[in-house]
């Protein structure tokens, strides 16, 4: 891989060298490198673009890296990745996509990731998106995540997009069985005329299952964001959705929650707060020697940390 591609890998997966454990690197629509382990197998799909990641039951303290990088203007890439996480396992999965577009044509990556998490398994899933390049062509990312959590399983999902993506639609759908837990933390920053849409839909089907969705975002310049959140409580369960956004310049953010209780013991909460940076926060930091721009940057960085 060249220097641009290696920089993209560093940004989306914190990879400075070949990682330990299982990995699959995809570069400009083609497989570039792969490694499997005794407990984790990665198999190329035969019917469509993508891979199956198979984690054996009882696997502990192992990781899988599956980053995607695009450095070719005019390329549209689409993959279907399925994760089969065995019972009683505990693993970390690092995904993400980086696009460098130095040309005039659109570069786009769409990924559909389906998770089948076994009984009492634990998964931490990290997904970062990043764009770079001085070309006029758009950098477009449309990730879809489909989650099925079995009894007693736990999944924690951290998604980050803070630079360079012109358009994104981020879709997450989940179904939870008895005593399953899903935690999603999302961080997004848009600038220029960028557009970002988040669409969460969670069905709390199992008894004593729960979900916590937390979104923090910053909209600068003329950029726009939409946050959609649907939680359905179909059993005795707990659901919480939270959207906090900072507006700057002429940015716009819409938060559209929907919570539906279909069971007497479903406890569902949605919180949303959208507003500009408080003037007293900027003033306080300026008294410490920062310029107004530096103060704003410090507040935004702290908000998205």
Protein backbone atom coordinates (compact mmCIF):
# COMPACT_ATOMS: atom_id res chain seq x y z
CA UNK A 1 0.00 0.00 0.00
CA UNK A 2 1.16 3.55 -0.71
CA UNK A 3 1.54 6.42 1.77
CA UNK A 4 -1.99 7.76 1.21
CA UNK A 5 -3.54 4.36 1.84
CA UNK A 6 -1.42 3.81 4.95
CA UNK A 7 -2.51 7.21 6.29
CA UNK A 8 -6.14 6.24 5.76
CA UNK A 9 -5.57 3.00 7.67
CA UNK A 10 -4.04 4.95 10.53
CA UNK A 11 -7.01 7.32 10.67
CA UNK A 12 -9.83 4.75 10.57
CA UNK A 13 -8.28 1.80 12.41
CA UNK A 14 -5.27 3.24 14.29
CA UNK A 15 -3.06 0.87 12.31
CA UNK A 16 0.60 1.88 12.03
CA UNK A 17 1.85 -1.61 11.22
CA UNK A 18 0.38 -5.05 10.58
CA UNK A 19 -1.85 -5.80 13.60
CA UNK A 20 -1.77 -8.93 15.69
CA UNK A 21 -4.71 -11.30 15.42
CA UNK A 22 -7.19 -11.68 12.60
CA UNK A 23 -7.51 -9.01 9.91
CA UNK A 24 -8.78 -8.32 6.41
CA UNK A 25 -7.71 -5.19 4.51
CA UNK A 26 -9.77 -4.03 1.53
CA UNK A 27 -8.17 -1.44 -0.79
CA UNK A 28 -9.92 0.12 -3.80
CA UNK A 29 -12.49 -2.66 -4.00
CA UNK A 30 -10.04 -5.55 -3.71
CA UNK A 31 -8.71 -7.70 -0.89
CA UNK A 32 -5.18 -6.57 0.01
CA UNK A 33 -4.17 -8.65 3.05
CA UNK A 34 -5.70 -11.24 5.37
CA UNK A 35 -4.83 -13.24 8.44
CA UNK A 36 -6.85 -15.77 10.42
CA UNK A 37 -6.22 -17.33 13.82
CA UNK A 38 -7.01 -20.58 15.57
CA UNK A 39 -10.28 -19.13 16.88
CA UNK A 40 -11.24 -16.61 14.19
CA UNK A 41 -11.77 -17.45 10.53
CA UNK A 42 -12.40 -15.04 7.64
CA UNK A 43 -13.99 -16.48 4.48
CA UNK A 44 -14.62 -14.71 1.16
CA UNK A 45 -18.26 -14.82 0.07
CA UNK A 46 -18.94 -16.64 -3.17
CA UNK A 47 -22.26 -15.01 -4.13
CA UNK A 48 -21.37 -11.34 -3.59
CA UNK A 49 -18.65 -8.95 -2.50
CA UNK A 50 -17.77 -9.34 1.16
CA UNK A 51 -16.59 -11.72 3.85
CA UNK A 52 -17.86 -13.93 6.65
CA UNK A 53 -16.10 -13.48 9.98
CA UNK A 54 -16.56 -16.57 12.13
CA UNK A 55 -15.62 -16.37 15.81
CA UNK A 56 -15.65 -19.70 17.59
CA UNK A 57 -17.55 -20.15 20.86
CA UNK A 58 -15.52 -19.32 23.95
CA UNK A 59 -13.00 -17.08 22.14
CA UNK A 60 -11.63 -14.51 24.60
CA UNK A 61 -9.51 -11.35 24.33
CA UNK A 62 -8.99 -11.50 20.58
CA UNK A 63 -9.51 -8.83 17.92
CA UNK A 64 -10.48 -8.54 14.27
CA UNK A 65 -9.49 -5.59 12.04
CA UNK A 66 -11.46 -5.16 8.80
CA UNK A 67 -10.74 -1.63 7.48
CA UNK A 68 -11.60 -0.40 3.99
CA UNK A 69 -9.71 2.34 2.14
CA UNK A 70 -10.44 4.03 -1.17
CA UNK A 71 -7.90 6.24 -2.91
CA UNK A 72 -9.29 6.05 -6.46
CA UNK A 73 -11.62 8.78 -7.69
CA UNK A 74 -14.74 7.52 -9.47
CA UNK A 75 -14.83 4.19 -7.61
CA UNK A 76 -18.03 2.86 -6.03
CA UNK A 77 -17.48 -0.03 -3.62
CA UNK A 78 -20.16 -2.22 -2.00
CA UNK A 79 -19.56 -5.02 0.51
CA UNK A 80 -21.62 -7.41 2.61
CA UNK A 81 -19.85 -8.55 5.77
CA UNK A 82 -21.45 -11.05 8.17
CA UNK A 83 -20.16 -11.63 11.70
CA UNK A 84 -20.95 -14.87 13.49
CA UNK A 85 -19.93 -14.46 17.14
CA UNK A 86 -20.01 -17.72 19.06
CA UNK A 87 -21.50 -18.24 22.52
CA UNK A 88 -19.52 -17.05 25.56
CA UNK A 89 -16.93 -15.23 23.43
CA UNK A 90 -15.47 -11.78 24.17
CA UNK A 91 -13.93 -9.95 21.19
CA UNK A 92 -13.15 -6.52 19.75
CA UNK A 93 -13.89 -5.73 16.10
CA UNK A 94 -12.33 -2.67 14.44
CA UNK A 95 -13.85 -1.62 11.14
CA UNK A 96 -14.07 1.76 9.43
CA UNK A 97 -13.57 3.31 6.02
CA UNK A 98 -11.28 6.04 4.76
CA UNK A 99 -11.68 7.76 1.39
CA UNK A 100 -9.04 9.94 -0.25
CA UNK A 101 -10.44 11.66 -3.32
CA UNK A 102 -8.03 13.76 -5.34
CA UNK A 103 -10.14 13.84 -8.49
CA UNK A 104 -13.40 15.24 -9.83
CA UNK A 105 -15.55 12.10 -9.69
CA UNK A 106 -17.44 10.75 -6.68
CA UNK A 107 -15.82 8.05 -4.55
CA UNK A 108 -18.30 5.96 -2.53
CA UNK A 109 -18.26 3.03 -0.13
CA UNK A 110 -21.43 1.29 1.07
CA UNK A 111 -21.12 -1.48 3.61
CA UNK A 112 -23.75 -3.77 5.11
CA UNK A 113 -22.52 -5.40 8.31
CA UNK A 114 -24.73 -8.07 9.91
CA UNK A 115 -23.96 -9.27 13.44
CA UNK A 116 -25.26 -12.54 14.83
CA UNK A 117 -24.17 -12.46 18.46
CA UNK A 118 -24.45 -15.75 20.33
CA UNK A 119 -25.75 -16.42 23.83
CA UNK A 120 -23.78 -14.63 26.57
CA UNK A 121 -21.22 -13.30 24.06
CA UNK A 122 -19.67 -9.81 24.36
CA UNK A 123 -18.62 -7.64 21.43
CA UNK A 124 -17.00 -4.23 21.19
CA UNK A 125 -17.37 -2.82 17.68
CA UNK A 126 -15.42 0.30 16.64
CA UNK A 127 -16.23 2.00 13.35
CA UNK A 128 -14.53 5.20 12.15
CA UNK A 129 -15.13 7.13 8.94
CA UNK A 130 -12.73 9.65 7.47
CA UNK A 131 -12.31 11.61 4.25
CA UNK A 132 -9.36 13.48 2.74
CA UNK A 133 -8.07 14.80 -0.57
CA UNK A 134 -8.23 18.11 -2.41
CA UNK A 135 -10.29 16.89 -5.35
CA UNK A 136 -13.75 18.25 -6.13
CA UNK A 137 -15.32 14.79 -6.22
CA UNK A 138 -17.60 13.80 -3.35
CA UNK A 139 -16.60 11.39 -0.60
CA UNK A 140 -19.70 9.32 0.24
CA UNK A 141 -20.11 6.67 2.96
CA UNK A 142 -23.33 4.76 3.67
CA UNK A 143 -22.84 2.15 6.41
CA UNK A 144 -25.64 -0.21 7.45
CA UNK A 145 -25.40 -2.27 10.63
CA UNK A 146 -27.88 -5.07 11.35
CA UNK A 147 -27.69 -6.63 14.81
CA UNK A 148 -29.29 -9.74 16.32
CA UNK A 149 -28.43 -10.19 20.00
CA UNK A 150 -29.15 -13.58 21.55
CA UNK A 151 -30.04 -14.19 25.20
CA UNK A 152 -27.65 -12.57 27.67
CA UNK A 153 -25.38 -11.09 24.99
CA UNK A 154 -23.83 -7.62 25.07
CA UNK A 155 -22.71 -5.36 22.22
CA UNK A 156 -21.02 -1.98 22.50
CA UNK A 157 -20.75 0.04 19.29
CA UNK A 158 -18.64 3.22 18.96
CA UNK A 159 -18.97 5.13 15.69
CA UNK A 160 -17.01 8.25 14.80
CA UNK A 161 -17.09 10.59 11.81
CA UNK A 162 -15.38 13.91 12.34
CA UNK A 163 -13.72 14.91 9.07
CA UNK A 164 -13.97 14.93 5.32
CA UNK A 165 -17.15 12.97 4.51
CA UNK A 166 -19.44 14.90 2.15
CA UNK A 167 -22.53 12.71 2.49
CA UNK A 168 -23.46 9.82 4.76
CA UNK A 169 -26.55 7.86 5.68
CA UNK A 170 -25.87 5.70 8.73
CA UNK A 171 -28.48 3.01 9.34
CA UNK A 172 -28.57 0.71 12.37
CA UNK A 173 -31.25 -1.90 13.05
CA UNK A 174 -31.25 -4.22 16.05
CA UNK A 175 -33.32 -6.93 17.68
CA UNK A 176 -32.67 -7.95 21.28
CA UNK A 177 -33.55 -11.21 23.03
CA UNK A 178 -33.92 -11.85 26.79
CA UNK A 179 -31.38 -10.01 28.98
CA UNK A 180 -29.44 -8.71 25.96
CA UNK A 181 -27.86 -5.23 26.06
CA UNK A 182 -26.92 -2.84 23.27
CA UNK A 183 -24.92 0.38 23.81
CA UNK A 184 -24.29 2.72 20.87
CA UNK A 185 -22.18 5.89 21.05
CA UNK A 186 -22.08 8.09 17.96
CA UNK A 187 -19.92 11.17 17.28
CA UNK A 188 -20.32 13.24 14.13
CA UNK A 189 -18.93 16.56 12.94
CA UNK A 190 -19.92 18.12 9.62
CA UNK A 191 -18.71 21.29 7.91
CA UNK A 192 -19.01 23.07 4.58
CA UNK A 193 -22.14 21.78 2.84
CA UNK A 194 -21.85 18.22 4.17
CA UNK A 195 -24.89 16.09 5.00
CA UNK A 196 -25.23 13.36 7.62
CA UNK A 197 -28.27 11.27 8.45
CA UNK A 198 -28.49 8.80 11.32
CA UNK A 199 -31.31 6.25 11.41
CA UNK A 200 -31.60 3.99 14.47
CA UNK A 201 -34.32 1.35 14.82
CA UNK A 202 -34.27 -1.01 17.80
CA UNK A 203 -36.78 -3.70 18.76
CA UNK A 204 -36.63 -4.67 22.42
CA UNK A 205 -38.24 -8.09 22.13
CA UNK A 206 -36.73 -9.97 25.05
CA UNK A 207 -37.56 -9.78 28.73
CA UNK A 208 -35.16 -7.56 30.72
CA UNK A 209 -33.25 -6.44 27.62
CA UNK A 210 -32.04 -2.87 27.20
CA UNK A 211 -30.59 -0.30 24.82
CA UNK A 212 -28.76 2.99 25.30
CA UNK A 213 -28.27 5.21 22.22
CA UNK A 214 -26.08 8.29 22.65
CA UNK A 215 -25.39 10.71 19.80
CA UNK A 216 -23.19 13.81 19.97
CA UNK A 217 -22.74 15.98 16.94
CA UNK A 218 -21.47 19.35 15.72
CA UNK A 219 -22.80 21.05 12.57
CA UNK A 220 -20.59 23.85 11.20
CA UNK A 221 -20.83 26.21 8.22
CA UNK A 222 -23.84 25.27 6.02
CA UNK A 223 -23.85 21.57 6.87
CA UNK A 224 -26.98 19.70 7.91
CA UNK A 225 -27.74 16.65 10.03
CA UNK A 226 -30.79 14.50 10.75
CA UNK A 227 -31.05 12.17 13.75
CA UNK A 228 -33.85 9.57 13.66
CA UNK A 229 -34.35 7.21 16.57
CA UNK A 230 -37.03 4.54 16.88
CA UNK A 231 -37.22 2.30 19.94
CA UNK A 232 -39.96 -0.27 20.38
CA UNK A 233 -40.44 -1.85 23.78
CA UNK A 234 -42.17 -5.17 23.14
CA UNK A 235 -41.47 -6.72 26.54
CA UNK A 236 -40.31 -5.78 30.01
CA UNK A 237 -37.30 -3.70 29.00
CA UNK A 238 -35.37 -0.43 29.30
CA UNK A 239 -34.65 1.93 26.41
CA UNK A 240 -32.86 5.28 26.36
CA UNK A 241 -32.06 7.57 23.43
CA UNK A 242 -30.09 10.81 23.71
CA UNK A 243 -29.16 13.37 21.04
CA UNK A 244 -26.95 16.36 21.94
CA UNK A 245 -25.88 18.72 19.16
CA UNK A 246 -23.94 21.97 18.85
CA UNK A 247 -24.84 24.40 16.07
CA UNK A 248 -22.22 26.73 14.63
CA UNK A 249 -22.39 29.27 11.82
CA UNK A 250 -25.45 28.38 9.69
CA UNK A 251 -25.55 24.65 10.40
CA UNK A 252 -28.81 22.79 11.01
CA UNK A 253 -29.72 19.71 13.05
CA UNK A 254 -33.06 17.86 13.30
CA UNK A 255 -33.70 15.31 16.06
CA UNK A 256 -36.74 13.11 15.46
CA UNK A 257 -37.38 10.58 18.22
CA UNK A 258 -40.00 7.87 18.28
CA UNK A 259 -40.54 5.60 21.28
CA UNK A 260 -43.27 2.98 21.34
CA UNK A 261 -44.20 0.93 24.39
CA UNK A 262 -46.08 -2.27 23.57
CA UNK A 263 -45.73 -3.74 27.05
CA UNK A 264 -46.82 -2.48 30.47
CA UNK A 265 -43.29 -2.82 31.86
CA UNK A 266 -41.45 -1.16 28.98
CA UNK A 267 -39.54 1.89 30.28
CA UNK A 268 -38.49 4.20 27.44
CA UNK A 269 -36.87 7.65 27.53
CA UNK A 270 -35.71 10.08 24.85
CA UNK A 271 -33.65 13.22 25.45
CA UNK A 272 -32.57 15.85 22.92
CA UNK A 273 -30.68 19.13 23.21
CA UNK A 274 -29.64 21.34 20.28
CA UNK A 275 -28.05 24.76 20.63
CA UNK A 276 -25.04 26.98 20.14
CA UNK A 277 -21.98 27.21 22.35
CA UNK A 278 -22.73 29.29 25.41
CA UNK A 279 -21.06 32.71 25.33
CA UNK A 280 -19.85 32.43 28.90
CA UNK A 281 -17.92 29.26 28.03
CA UNK A 282 -16.01 31.09 25.30
CA UNK A 283 -15.43 34.12 27.53
CA UNK A 284 -14.04 31.98 30.34
CA UNK A 285 -11.52 30.29 28.06
CA UNK A 286 -10.52 33.61 26.47
CA UNK A 287 -9.65 34.92 29.94
CA UNK A 288 -7.13 32.07 30.09
CA UNK A 289 -5.38 33.39 26.98
CA UNK A 290 -7.15 31.58 24.13
CA UNK A 291 -8.48 33.35 21.04
CA UNK A 292 -12.20 33.03 20.28
CA UNK A 293 -11.47 30.45 17.56
CA UNK A 294 -9.21 28.48 19.87
CA UNK A 295 -11.85 28.58 22.61
CA UNK A 296 -14.53 27.25 20.23
CA UNK A 297 -12.22 24.47 19.06
CA UNK A 298 -11.43 23.49 22.64
CA UNK A 299 -15.14 23.29 23.53
CA UNK A 300 -15.98 21.24 20.43
CA UNK A 301 -13.10 18.82 21.05
CA UNK A 302 -14.21 18.34 24.62
CA UNK A 303 -17.82 17.81 23.57
CA UNK A 304 -16.89 15.10 21.05
CA UNK A 305 -14.25 13.44 23.23
